[in-house]
């Protein structure tokens, strides 16, 4: 089928062979090369179409945006043209990033303006949630770990997106990467000292999506932190499946009431709360700050263990505080009183758990049941121990085909699932979340598990031979007897994992976090690459 681009065409659908529209007479081949297949959407300033390039080999698909302002007044048309031009300029500037659509063309024809960009095949996060339901805390953290570096890149190019929301983030089918689209509301001239009256009238028509845009953006004074607020609202949507308009608000402060809808760790709740601060000065100011806040969580366990053997007095300096986390990281800016409060909280929660006699899911005694954090990077919520994941009850055991199909549809969260004995050889499951999953004797030979999360998972005698496990997370996982020959474990986090009898011959452990004591329990040989990057056992282990 061929689609007519005449905004006033009464019957735009035509046969694939047609050269001109049978209803209005418009030519159907744009720029003598683009054949429009169907309409994808309509906005206030333009329409979006799926097209294909008839000249290039393979006729690759592309997206064409046509300027179609709803208002016809001369000044409104000029504003729309300026927005359109700004989007093209922005894509031209930042479109070389693999998670931003590439600008392919920008031109005018028959008094209409067109923008051609790369077509991203995949579902938006809004579509994913509608299909599969909300994500767990682990799933949202994985989302943040993927999207924050992209936001960081965009901001470094002095660009504010201004319309971050689930409908503008696509998970690309080709590689499952998140791609940020729709730069039509972008602001690329950042002046923090500008007053609202200094803004052009153009800004009034590009303030973002109500509910996702923060107060300062609605007041026509967007800053980089405005995108971080929208990202926080997106996280709430991913956790609850509810749009901002569906959530209650505090009538006195206007604050969105979301905490009762989610079951997440206290630490992650505090991160989200700071992302959603109404006042810009109280909000995170950069993606790096959020990443640092999330990066601290793997070390909460070591903090608890360190404080469990110390006195109740707070550390005397920031240096001692940072060593409780990781000596190689810069000391956090938190005060020593905050450290003491955390220690007190950890002890209180631990005492409460011990008094109630509840289980701690095999966590180290010093951190069992700590206030939702539970001593792991992921902070999996308590619902999972009852057979729930992000509000979805685990009702049946997935087979291998079920796992692959679910992942292909955009699901990454397989926390607490029973996946024992499944054959997932050569499966591509990058970023998969297998927290507390049962994976004994699973066949993941040569599978791509980059950035996968296996915290507290059971991987006894699992076949991970030749698997790609770069930056994978194995904190407290059971890898007893697992076959990891020739596996790529570079930068993997293997702290506290059980490696008894695990075969690491030929494995690459460059920059991995693992102790010499752990490796002493495993099988290694001359071809094993240790954390120091050398084939040496005694030095450089982390």
Protein backbone atom coordinates (compact mmCIF):
# COMPACT_ATOMS: atom_id res chain seq x y z
CA UNK A 1 0.00 0.00 0.00
CA UNK A 2 1.08 3.59 -0.69
CA UNK A 3 -0.08 6.47 1.52
CA UNK A 4 -0.79 10.04 0.39
CA UNK A 5 0.86 12.86 2.35
CA UNK A 6 -1.70 15.50 1.43
CA UNK A 7 -3.09 16.61 4.81
CA UNK A 8 -6.47 17.30 3.19
CA UNK A 9 -6.73 14.07 1.20
CA UNK A 10 -10.14 12.41 1.76
CA UNK A 11 -8.82 8.91 0.96
CA UNK A 12 -5.03 8.70 1.46
CA UNK A 13 -4.69 4.93 1.02
CA UNK A 14 -3.60 3.82 -2.45
CA UNK A 15 -2.32 0.67 -4.12
CA UNK A 16 1.41 -0.02 -3.96
CA UNK A 17 1.76 0.48 -7.72
CA UNK A 18 0.11 3.93 -7.80
CA UNK A 19 2.31 6.93 -8.64
CA UNK A 20 -0.29 9.61 -7.84
CA UNK A 21 -3.11 9.60 -5.32
CA UNK A 22 -6.39 8.46 -6.87
CA UNK A 23 -8.37 10.73 -4.51
CA UNK A 24 -6.49 14.06 -4.72
CA UNK A 25 -3.87 13.74 -7.45
CA UNK A 26 -0.80 14.29 -5.19
CA UNK A 27 2.36 12.48 -6.27
CA UNK A 28 3.11 9.59 -3.95
CA UNK A 29 6.89 9.32 -4.29
CA UNK A 30 8.47 11.96 -2.05
CA UNK A 31 11.81 13.36 -3.27
CA UNK A 32 11.59 10.72 -6.00
CA UNK A 33 12.71 8.09 -3.48
CA UNK A 34 10.49 7.84 -0.38
CA UNK A 35 7.34 5.73 -0.62
CA UNK A 36 5.03 6.22 2.37
CA UNK A 37 3.49 3.01 3.73
CA UNK A 38 1.23 4.13 6.56
CA UNK A 39 0.56 6.82 9.14
CA UNK A 40 2.09 6.25 12.56
CA UNK A 41 0.79 9.21 14.54
CA UNK A 42 -0.42 12.80 14.67
CA UNK A 43 0.75 15.60 16.95
CA UNK A 44 0.09 19.29 17.39
CA UNK A 45 2.73 20.30 14.85
CA UNK A 46 3.00 17.37 12.50
CA UNK A 47 2.25 13.83 11.46
CA UNK A 48 4.59 10.83 11.44
CA UNK A 49 4.67 8.19 8.72
CA UNK A 50 6.40 4.89 8.08
CA UNK A 51 8.12 4.91 4.70
CA UNK A 52 10.77 3.08 2.73
CA UNK A 53 13.64 4.25 0.57
CA UNK A 54 12.98 2.91 -2.93
CA UNK A 55 16.50 3.80 -4.16
CA UNK A 56 18.76 2.15 -1.59
CA UNK A 57 19.36 -1.62 -1.82
CA UNK A 58 16.95 -3.56 0.36
CA UNK A 59 14.55 -0.62 0.48
CA UNK A 60 15.21 0.16 4.16
CA UNK A 61 12.38 1.59 6.22
CA UNK A 62 12.51 5.10 7.65
CA UNK A 63 10.28 7.54 9.53
CA UNK A 64 9.05 10.71 7.85
CA UNK A 65 7.76 13.64 9.86
CA UNK A 66 5.65 16.16 7.98
CA UNK A 67 5.05 19.62 9.37
CA UNK A 68 1.30 19.96 9.86
CA UNK A 69 0.59 22.73 12.40
CA UNK A 70 -2.98 22.71 13.68
CA UNK A 71 -3.17 26.52 13.61
CA UNK A 72 -2.83 28.42 10.33
CA UNK A 73 -1.93 31.90 11.64
CA UNK A 74 1.37 33.17 10.15
CA UNK A 75 3.07 33.52 13.53
CA UNK A 76 2.00 30.01 14.58
CA UNK A 77 3.29 28.56 11.32
CA UNK A 78 6.62 30.28 11.88
CA UNK A 79 6.84 28.85 15.39
CA UNK A 80 6.08 25.37 14.10
CA UNK A 81 8.79 25.71 11.45
CA UNK A 82 11.26 26.78 14.13
CA UNK A 83 10.44 23.75 16.26
CA UNK A 84 10.76 21.48 13.26
CA UNK A 85 14.10 22.99 12.34
CA UNK A 86 15.29 22.68 15.92
CA UNK A 87 14.46 18.95 15.98
CA UNK A 88 16.41 18.42 12.76
CA UNK A 89 19.40 20.35 14.10
CA UNK A 90 19.34 18.41 17.36
CA UNK A 91 19.18 15.03 15.63
CA UNK A 92 22.00 16.15 13.36
CA UNK A 93 24.08 17.03 16.40
CA UNK A 94 23.43 14.05 18.66
CA UNK A 95 22.09 11.44 16.24
CA UNK A 96 25.46 9.69 16.00
CA UNK A 97 24.69 8.09 19.37
CA UNK A 98 23.48 4.47 18.94
CA UNK A 99 20.45 5.12 21.18
CA UNK A 100 19.19 8.15 19.25
CA UNK A 101 17.56 7.93 15.78
CA UNK A 102 19.86 9.02 12.96
CA UNK A 103 18.80 12.02 10.89
CA UNK A 104 18.66 10.91 7.24
CA UNK A 105 17.21 13.94 5.46
CA UNK A 106 15.58 17.34 5.95
CA UNK A 107 13.92 19.26 3.10
CA UNK A 108 10.83 21.08 1.89
CA UNK A 109 8.68 20.02 -1.06
CA UNK A 110 5.41 21.48 -2.37
CA UNK A 111 5.48 24.06 0.44
CA UNK A 112 5.64 21.36 3.11
CA UNK A 113 8.58 20.60 5.41
CA UNK A 114 9.84 17.07 5.95
CA UNK A 115 12.24 15.37 8.33
CA UNK A 116 13.45 11.83 7.59
CA UNK A 117 15.01 9.74 10.33
CA UNK A 118 16.03 6.20 11.09
CA UNK A 119 13.17 3.78 11.77
CA UNK A 120 13.40 2.07 15.17
CA UNK A 121 11.58 -1.26 15.19
CA UNK A 122 10.28 -2.22 18.61
CA UNK A 123 7.74 -1.53 21.34
CA UNK A 124 7.68 1.60 23.46
CA UNK A 125 7.96 1.10 27.22
CA UNK A 126 4.33 2.19 27.46
CA UNK A 127 3.35 -0.66 25.14
CA UNK A 128 5.54 -3.12 27.05
CA UNK A 129 3.92 -2.29 30.38
CA UNK A 130 0.43 -2.54 28.90
CA UNK A 131 1.28 -5.96 27.51
CA UNK A 132 3.29 -7.48 30.35
CA UNK A 133 2.44 -5.44 33.44
CA UNK A 134 4.65 -3.38 35.79
CA UNK A 135 8.33 -4.05 36.42
CA UNK A 136 9.97 -4.99 39.70
CA UNK A 137 12.45 -2.76 41.48
CA UNK A 138 15.24 -4.72 39.83
CA UNK A 139 13.71 -4.15 36.42
CA UNK A 140 13.45 -0.39 36.94
CA UNK A 141 17.03 -0.22 38.18
CA UNK A 142 18.12 -2.04 35.06
CA UNK A 143 16.16 0.52 33.03
CA UNK A 144 17.94 3.38 34.81
CA UNK A 145 21.35 1.80 34.27
CA UNK A 146 20.61 1.75 30.52
CA UNK A 147 18.94 5.15 30.08
CA UNK A 148 20.95 7.39 32.42
CA UNK A 149 24.20 7.24 30.40
CA UNK A 150 22.16 8.29 27.35
CA UNK A 151 20.62 11.24 29.22
CA UNK A 152 24.10 12.12 30.43
CA UNK A 153 25.33 12.20 26.81
CA UNK A 154 22.41 14.38 25.65
CA UNK A 155 22.94 16.88 28.46
CA UNK A 156 26.65 17.10 27.69
CA UNK A 157 25.62 18.23 24.21
CA UNK A 158 23.75 21.09 25.95
CA UNK A 159 20.37 19.62 25.00
CA UNK A 160 17.28 19.25 27.21
CA UNK A 161 14.86 16.71 25.77
CA UNK A 162 11.80 18.02 27.68
CA UNK A 163 9.50 15.13 26.78
CA UNK A 164 10.91 12.00 28.40
CA UNK A 165 8.11 9.49 28.98
CA UNK A 166 7.44 5.76 28.38
CA UNK A 167 5.84 6.47 24.99
CA UNK A 168 9.07 8.12 23.80
CA UNK A 169 11.41 5.27 24.76
CA UNK A 170 11.56 2.28 22.41
CA UNK A 171 13.22 -1.06 23.10
CA UNK A 172 14.82 -1.80 19.76
CA UNK A 173 14.08 -5.31 18.46
CA UNK A 174 17.50 -5.68 16.90
CA UNK A 175 19.59 -5.51 20.06
CA UNK A 176 17.07 -4.82 22.89
CA UNK A 177 18.70 -1.42 23.51
CA UNK A 178 16.58 1.51 24.70
CA UNK A 179 16.26 4.31 22.14
CA UNK A 180 15.01 7.80 23.01
CA UNK A 181 12.82 9.35 20.30
CA UNK A 182 10.81 12.51 19.58
CA UNK A 183 13.09 15.50 19.98
CA UNK A 184 10.35 17.87 18.84
CA UNK A 185 10.11 19.62 22.21
CA UNK A 186 13.86 19.86 22.70
CA UNK A 187 15.57 22.93 24.11
CA UNK A 188 19.15 23.41 22.99
CA UNK A 189 19.80 26.96 24.22
CA UNK A 190 20.06 26.70 27.96
CA UNK A 191 20.03 29.99 29.88
CA UNK A 192 19.42 29.37 33.59
CA UNK A 193 19.19 33.13 34.23
CA UNK A 194 16.41 33.74 31.72
CA UNK A 195 13.10 34.91 33.14
CA UNK A 196 9.83 33.44 31.95
CA UNK A 197 8.99 36.68 30.16
CA UNK A 198 12.21 36.37 28.19
CA UNK A 199 11.08 33.12 26.59
CA UNK A 200 9.75 33.26 23.07
CA UNK A 201 6.15 32.40 22.44
CA UNK A 202 7.51 29.27 20.81
CA UNK A 203 8.25 27.77 24.21
CA UNK A 204 4.58 27.84 25.15
CA UNK A 205 3.90 25.14 22.61
CA UNK A 206 6.71 22.81 23.57
CA UNK A 207 6.51 22.41 27.31
CA UNK A 208 6.36 18.61 27.33
CA UNK A 209 3.68 16.24 28.58
CA UNK A 210 1.57 17.27 31.60
CA UNK A 211 2.26 14.99 34.54
CA UNK A 212 5.76 14.16 33.33
CA UNK A 213 7.02 17.76 33.06
CA UNK A 214 8.19 19.34 36.36
CA UNK A 215 6.91 22.71 37.68
CA UNK A 216 9.82 24.79 36.36
CA UNK A 217 9.31 23.38 32.86
CA UNK A 218 5.60 24.16 32.94
CA UNK A 219 6.64 27.67 33.98
CA UNK A 220 8.78 27.88 30.80
CA UNK A 221 12.12 27.63 32.60
CA UNK A 222 13.45 24.12 31.89
CA UNK A 223 16.84 22.99 33.18
CA UNK A 224 18.78 19.75 32.81
CA UNK A 225 17.24 18.44 36.04
CA UNK A 226 13.83 18.77 34.38
CA UNK A 227 14.62 15.66 32.33
CA UNK A 228 15.58 13.81 35.52
CA UNK A 229 12.18 14.62 37.04
CA UNK A 230 10.45 13.23 33.94
CA UNK A 231 12.67 10.15 34.21
CA UNK A 232 11.55 9.71 37.83
CA UNK A 233 7.88 9.89 36.78
CA UNK A 234 8.69 7.31 34.10
CA UNK A 235 10.09 5.03 36.82
CA UNK A 236 6.85 5.35 38.79
CA UNK A 237 4.91 4.39 35.68
CA UNK A 238 7.14 1.35 35.13
CA UNK A 239 6.65 0.27 38.76
CA UNK A 240 2.89 0.83 38.93
CA UNK A 241 1.56 0.79 35.38
CA UNK A 242 -0.26 4.01 36.26
CA UNK A 243 0.03 7.34 34.47
CA UNK A 244 0.51 10.46 36.64
CA UNK A 245 -3.14 11.44 36.10
CA UNK A 246 -4.21 8.13 37.66
CA UNK A 247 -2.32 8.73 40.91
CA UNK A 248 -3.50 10.79 43.87
CA UNK A 249 -1.89 14.09 44.88
CA UNK A 250 -1.45 15.82 48.20
CA UNK A 251 -3.97 18.70 48.00
CA UNK A 252 -1.75 20.94 50.14
CA UNK A 253 1.62 20.43 48.45
CA UNK A 254 0.67 19.04 45.04
CA UNK A 255 3.07 16.15 45.69
CA UNK A 256 2.25 12.93 43.85
CA UNK A 257 1.35 10.10 46.24
CA UNK A 258 3.03 7.02 44.78
CA UNK A 259 4.78 5.28 47.68
CA UNK A 260 1.81 3.12 48.68
CA UNK A 261 1.52 1.71 45.18
CA UNK A 262 4.98 0.13 45.12
CA UNK A 263 6.90 -2.37 47.24
CA UNK A 264 10.52 -1.28 46.96
CA UNK A 265 13.53 -0.88 49.21
CA UNK A 266 13.84 2.22 51.36
CA UNK A 267 17.07 3.13 49.60
CA UNK A 268 15.54 3.06 46.12
CA UNK A 269 12.49 4.94 47.37
CA UNK A 270 14.78 7.73 48.57
CA UNK A 271 16.49 7.88 45.18
CA UNK A 272 13.14 8.21 43.41
CA UNK A 273 11.92 10.76 45.94
CA UNK A 274 14.92 12.96 45.22
CA UNK A 275 14.39 12.61 41.47
CA UNK A 276 10.81 13.84 41.98
CA UNK A 277 11.53 16.85 44.16
CA UNK A 278 9.41 19.82 43.03
CA UNK A 279 12.14 22.29 43.90
CA UNK A 280 15.04 22.04 41.45
CA UNK A 281 17.64 22.77 44.13
CA UNK A 282 16.58 19.67 46.08
CA UNK A 283 16.57 17.40 43.02
CA UNK A 284 19.48 15.47 41.52
CA UNK A 285 21.31 17.82 39.18
CA UNK A 286 22.85 15.26 36.83
CA UNK A 287 22.63 11.65 35.65
CA UNK A 288 25.97 11.02 37.31
CA UNK A 289 24.52 11.85 40.73
CA UNK A 290 21.75 9.28 40.28
CA UNK A 291 24.18 6.65 39.03
CA UNK A 292 26.38 7.27 42.06
CA UNK A 293 23.39 6.95 44.37
CA UNK A 294 22.46 3.63 42.78
CA UNK A 295 26.07 2.45 42.72
CA UNK A 296 26.28 2.81 46.51
CA UNK A 297 23.72 0.08 47.04
CA UNK A 298 26.01 -2.89 46.36
CA UNK A 299 28.17 -1.62 49.23
CA UNK A 300 25.39 -1.30 51.80
CA UNK A 301 26.09 -4.93 52.64
CA UNK A 302 29.77 -4.27 53.30
CA UNK A 303 28.81 -1.20 55.30
CA UNK A 304 26.54 -3.31 57.47
CA UNK A 305 29.22 -5.94 57.95
CA UNK A 306 31.81 -3.31 58.85
CA UNK A 307 29.56 -1.52 61.31
CA UNK A 308 28.46 -4.77 62.94
CA UNK A 309 31.92 -5.13 64.48
CA UNK A 310 32.45 -1.48 65.35
CA UNK A 311 31.32 0.64 68.22
CA UNK A 312 28.17 2.71 68.07
CA UNK A 313 30.14 5.91 67.66
CA UNK A 314 30.14 7.38 64.18
CA UNK A 315 33.35 7.44 62.10
CA UNK A 316 35.64 10.36 62.73
CA UNK A 317 36.16 11.24 59.11
CA UNK A 318 34.78 10.82 55.64
CA UNK A 319 37.75 8.60 54.85
CA UNK A 320 36.62 5.91 57.29
CA UNK A 321 33.10 6.22 55.93
CA UNK A 322 34.24 5.64 52.34
CA UNK A 323 36.29 2.61 53.32
CA UNK A 324 33.17 0.92 54.61
CA UNK A 325 31.89 1.07 51.05
CA UNK A 326 34.84 0.78 48.69
CA UNK A 327 38.29 2.30 49.15
CA UNK A 328 38.63 2.98 45.43
CA UNK A 329 35.55 5.20 45.30
CA UNK A 330 35.48 8.85 46.36
CA UNK A 331 33.91 9.45 49.74
CA UNK A 332 30.22 10.29 49.62
CA UNK A 333 29.17 13.73 50.73
CA UNK A 334 26.91 12.30 53.45
CA UNK A 335 27.63 13.36 56.99
CA UNK A 336 28.90 11.04 59.69
CA UNK A 337 25.55 11.33 61.44
CA UNK A 338 23.94 9.80 58.36
CA UNK A 339 26.35 6.88 58.68
CA UNK A 340 25.43 6.41 62.32
CA UNK A 341 21.73 6.51 61.46
CA UNK A 342 22.22 3.89 58.78
CA UNK A 343 24.10 1.69 61.20
CA UNK A 344 21.35 2.12 63.77
CA UNK A 345 18.70 1.31 61.17
CA UNK A 346 20.55 -1.82 60.06
CA UNK A 347 20.90 -3.06 63.64
CA UNK A 348 17.27 -2.29 64.45
CA UNK A 349 15.96 -4.07 61.37
CA UNK A 350 18.23 -7.02 62.00
CA UNK A 351 17.12 -7.27 65.61
CA UNK A 352 13.48 -7.07 64.53
CA UNK A 353 13.99 -9.91 62.05
CA UNK A 354 15.82 -12.03 64.62
CA UNK A 355 13.10 -11.50 67.19
CA UNK A 356 10.39 -12.50 64.73
CA UNK A 357 12.31 -15.60 63.73
CA UNK A 358 11.77 -14.91 60.03
CA UNK A 359 13.97 -16.34 57.33
CA UNK A 360 16.56 -14.21 55.57
CA UNK A 361 16.67 -16.05 52.23
CA UNK A 362 20.22 -17.18 52.83
CA UNK A 363 21.66 -13.69 53.21
CA UNK A 364 24.72 -13.08 55.37
CA UNK A 365 23.72 -12.79 59.02
CA UNK A 366 24.96 -9.23 59.28
CA UNK A 367 22.45 -7.97 56.70
CA UNK A 368 19.56 -10.43 56.69
CA UNK A 369 16.29 -8.63 56.15
CA UNK A 370 17.64 -5.10 56.22
CA UNK A 371 14.73 -2.77 55.51
CA UNK A 372 13.96 -3.91 51.98
CA UNK A 373 17.58 -3.57 50.83
CA UNK A 374 18.33 -7.11 51.97
CA UNK A 375 22.05 -6.77 51.47
CA UNK A 376 21.96 -6.94 47.67
CA UNK A 377 22.38 -4.50 44.85
CA UNK A 378 18.89 -5.09 43.62
CA UNK A 379 16.93 -4.72 46.84
CA UNK A 380 14.31 -7.19 45.59
CA UNK A 381 11.02 -6.52 47.33
CA UNK A 382 9.48 -8.85 49.84
CA UNK A 383 6.70 -9.90 47.46
CA UNK A 384 9.15 -12.07 45.54
CA UNK A 385 9.66 -14.39 48.49
CA UNK A 386 5.92 -15.03 48.33
CA UNK A 387 5.97 -15.85 44.64
CA UNK A 388 5.33 -12.38 43.22
CA UNK A 389 7.39 -10.21 40.90
CA UNK A 390 6.41 -6.56 40.51
CA UNK A 391 2.81 -7.35 41.34
CA UNK A 392 2.69 -10.31 38.93
CA UNK A 393 2.18 -13.69 40.57
CA UNK A 394 4.41 -16.46 39.32
CA UNK A 395 1.82 -19.06 38.45
CA UNK A 396 3.75 -21.59 36.39
CA UNK A 397 7.25 -22.70 35.46
CA UNK A 398 8.45 -21.18 32.22
CA UNK A 399 9.99 -23.45 29.61
CA UNK A 400 12.90 -22.37 27.42
CA UNK A 401 10.64 -21.23 24.61
CA UNK A 402 8.56 -19.24 27.07
CA UNK A 403 11.64 -17.43 28.37
CA UNK A 404 12.84 -16.54 24.88
CA UNK A 405 9.40 -15.37 23.75
CA UNK A 406 8.90 -13.26 26.89
CA UNK A 407 12.33 -11.66 26.42
CA UNK A 408 11.62 -10.96 22.75
CA UNK A 409 8.46 -9.11 23.82
CA UNK A 410 10.54 -6.88 26.09
CA UNK A 411 10.40 -8.71 29.42
CA UNK A 412 13.70 -8.83 31.28
CA UNK A 413 12.50 -9.63 34.77
CA UNK A 414 12.71 -13.35 35.60
CA UNK A 415 13.40 -12.88 39.30
CA UNK A 416 12.48 -15.85 41.54
CA UNK A 417 11.50 -17.98 38.54
CA UNK A 418 12.12 -21.73 38.46
CA UNK A 419 14.29 -22.18 35.36
CA UNK A 420 16.11 -25.37 36.34
CA UNK A 421 17.37 -27.69 33.58
CA UNK A 422 16.23 -25.41 30.74
CA UNK A 423 18.18 -25.42 27.49
CA UNK A 424 18.97 -21.78 26.68
CA UNK A 425 22.15 -22.42 24.73
CA UNK A 426 23.30 -19.34 22.77
CA UNK A 427 20.31 -17.32 24.00
CA UNK A 428 20.61 -13.56 23.94
CA UNK A 429 19.43 -12.39 27.37
CA UNK A 430 21.45 -9.22 27.93
CA UNK A 431 20.36 -7.32 31.01
CA UNK A 432 18.20 -10.21 32.16
CA UNK A 433 17.17 -10.13 35.82
CA UNK A 434 17.47 -13.55 37.49
CA UNK A 435 17.59 -12.40 41.11
CA UNK A 436 16.89 -15.38 43.43
CA UNK A 437 15.99 -17.53 40.41
CA UNK A 438 16.44 -21.31 40.43
CA UNK A 439 18.91 -22.08 37.63
CA UNK A 440 20.47 -25.36 38.70
CA UNK A 441 21.74 -27.36 35.71
CA UNK A 442 20.47 -24.73 33.25
CA UNK A 443 22.25 -24.77 29.89
CA UNK A 444 23.41 -21.22 29.09
CA UNK A 445 26.43 -22.25 27.04
CA UNK A 446 27.64 -19.37 24.83
CA UNK A 447 24.64 -17.26 25.89
CA UNK A 448 24.93 -13.47 25.90
CA UNK A 449 24.24 -12.43 29.49
CA UNK A 450 25.96 -9.06 29.50
CA UNK A 451 24.81 -6.96 32.50
CA UNK A 452 22.58 -9.80 33.70
CA UNK A 453 21.69 -9.94 37.40
CA UNK A 454 22.04 -13.24 39.29
CA UNK A 455 22.03 -11.98 42.89
CA UNK A 456 21.25 -14.84 45.32
CA UNK A 457 20.37 -17.12 42.38
CA UNK A 458 21.05 -20.86 42.51
CA UNK A 459 23.33 -21.83 39.60
CA UNK A 460 24.57 -25.17 40.87
CA UNK A 461 26.16 -27.18 38.07
CA UNK A 462 24.89 -24.68 35.51
CA UNK A 463 26.50 -24.82 32.06
CA UNK A 464 27.87 -21.33 31.41
CA UNK A 465 30.71 -22.45 29.21
CA UNK A 466 31.75 -19.68 26.80
CA UNK A 467 28.96 -17.41 28.04
CA UNK A 468 29.30 -13.63 27.82
CA UNK A 469 28.92 -12.42 31.41
CA UNK A 470 30.51 -8.99 31.15
CA UNK A 471 29.44 -6.83 34.13
CA UNK A 472 27.11 -9.57 35.33
CA UNK A 473 26.11 -9.44 39.00
CA UNK A 474 26.53 -12.61 41.12
CA UNK A 475 26.45 -11.27 44.67
CA UNK A 476 25.59 -14.18 47.02
CA UNK A 477 24.85 -16.47 44.06
CA UNK A 478 25.51 -20.20 44.36
CA UNK A 479 27.82 -21.26 41.51
CA UNK A 480 28.94 -24.54 43.06
CA UNK A 481 30.09 -26.92 40.34
CA UNK A 482 29.13 -24.50 37.55
CA UNK A 483 30.96 -24.84 34.23
CA UNK A 484 32.41 -21.40 33.43
CA UNK A 485 35.19 -22.52 31.11
CA UNK A 486 36.14 -19.76 28.63
CA UNK A 487 33.35 -17.53 29.96
CA UNK A 488 33.87 -13.77 29.75
CA UNK A 489 33.44 -12.50 33.31
CA UNK A 490 35.26 -9.20 32.86
CA UNK A 491 34.03 -6.52 35.27
CA UNK A 492 31.61 -9.04 36.81
CA UNK A 493 30.55 -8.54 40.44
CA UNK A 494 31.11 -11.97 42.08
CA UNK A 495 31.32 -10.80 45.69
CA UNK A 496 30.22 -13.45 48.23
CA UNK A 497 29.31 -15.94 45.49
CA UNK A 498 29.94 -19.62 46.21
CA UNK A 499 32.56 -20.82 43.70
CA UNK A 500 33.22 -24.22 45.25
CA UNK A 501 34.14 -26.59 42.44
CA UNK A 502 33.29 -24.04 39.73
CA UNK A 503 35.38 -24.54 36.58
CA UNK A 504 37.04 -21.25 35.59
CA UNK A 505 39.66 -22.70 33.26
CA UNK A 506 40.18 -20.26 30.41
CA UNK A 507 37.69 -17.77 31.88
CA UNK A 508 38.34 -14.03 31.58
CA UNK A 509 38.05 -12.37 35.01
CA UNK A 510 39.66 -9.05 34.07
CA UNK A 511 38.61 -6.34 36.57
CA UNK A 512 36.06 -8.69 38.15
CA UNK A 513 35.22 -8.23 41.83
CA UNK A 514 36.17 -11.56 43.40
CA UNK A 515 38.48 -12.53 46.24
CA UNK A 516 41.49 -14.82 46.25
CA UNK A 517 39.71 -16.99 48.82
CA UNK A 518 36.78 -17.49 46.47
CA UNK A 519 39.02 -18.41 43.55
CA UNK A 520 40.94 -20.86 45.71
CA UNK A 521 37.75 -22.95 45.84
CA UNK A 522 37.38 -22.97 42.06
CA UNK A 523 39.26 -24.72 39.27
CA UNK A 524 41.65 -22.47 37.35
CA UNK A 525 44.54 -23.10 34.99
CA UNK A 526 47.24 -21.34 32.99
CA UNK A 527 44.69 -19.88 30.58
CA UNK A 528 42.54 -18.23 33.25
CA UNK A 529 42.81 -14.43 33.13
CA UNK A 530 42.61 -13.05 36.67
CA UNK A 531 41.22 -9.65 37.80
CA UNK A 532 44.62 -7.99 37.37
CA UNK A 533 44.47 -8.85 33.67
CA UNK A 534 47.27 -11.39 34.00
CA UNK A 535 47.42 -15.15 34.23
CA UNK A 536 48.59 -14.84 37.82
CA UNK A 537 46.70 -16.11 40.85
CA UNK A 538 48.24 -14.21 43.74
CA UNK A 539 48.03 -10.53 42.90
CA UNK A 540 45.47 -8.03 41.78
CA UNK A 541 42.36 -9.78 43.04
CA UNK A 542 39.55 -7.49 44.17
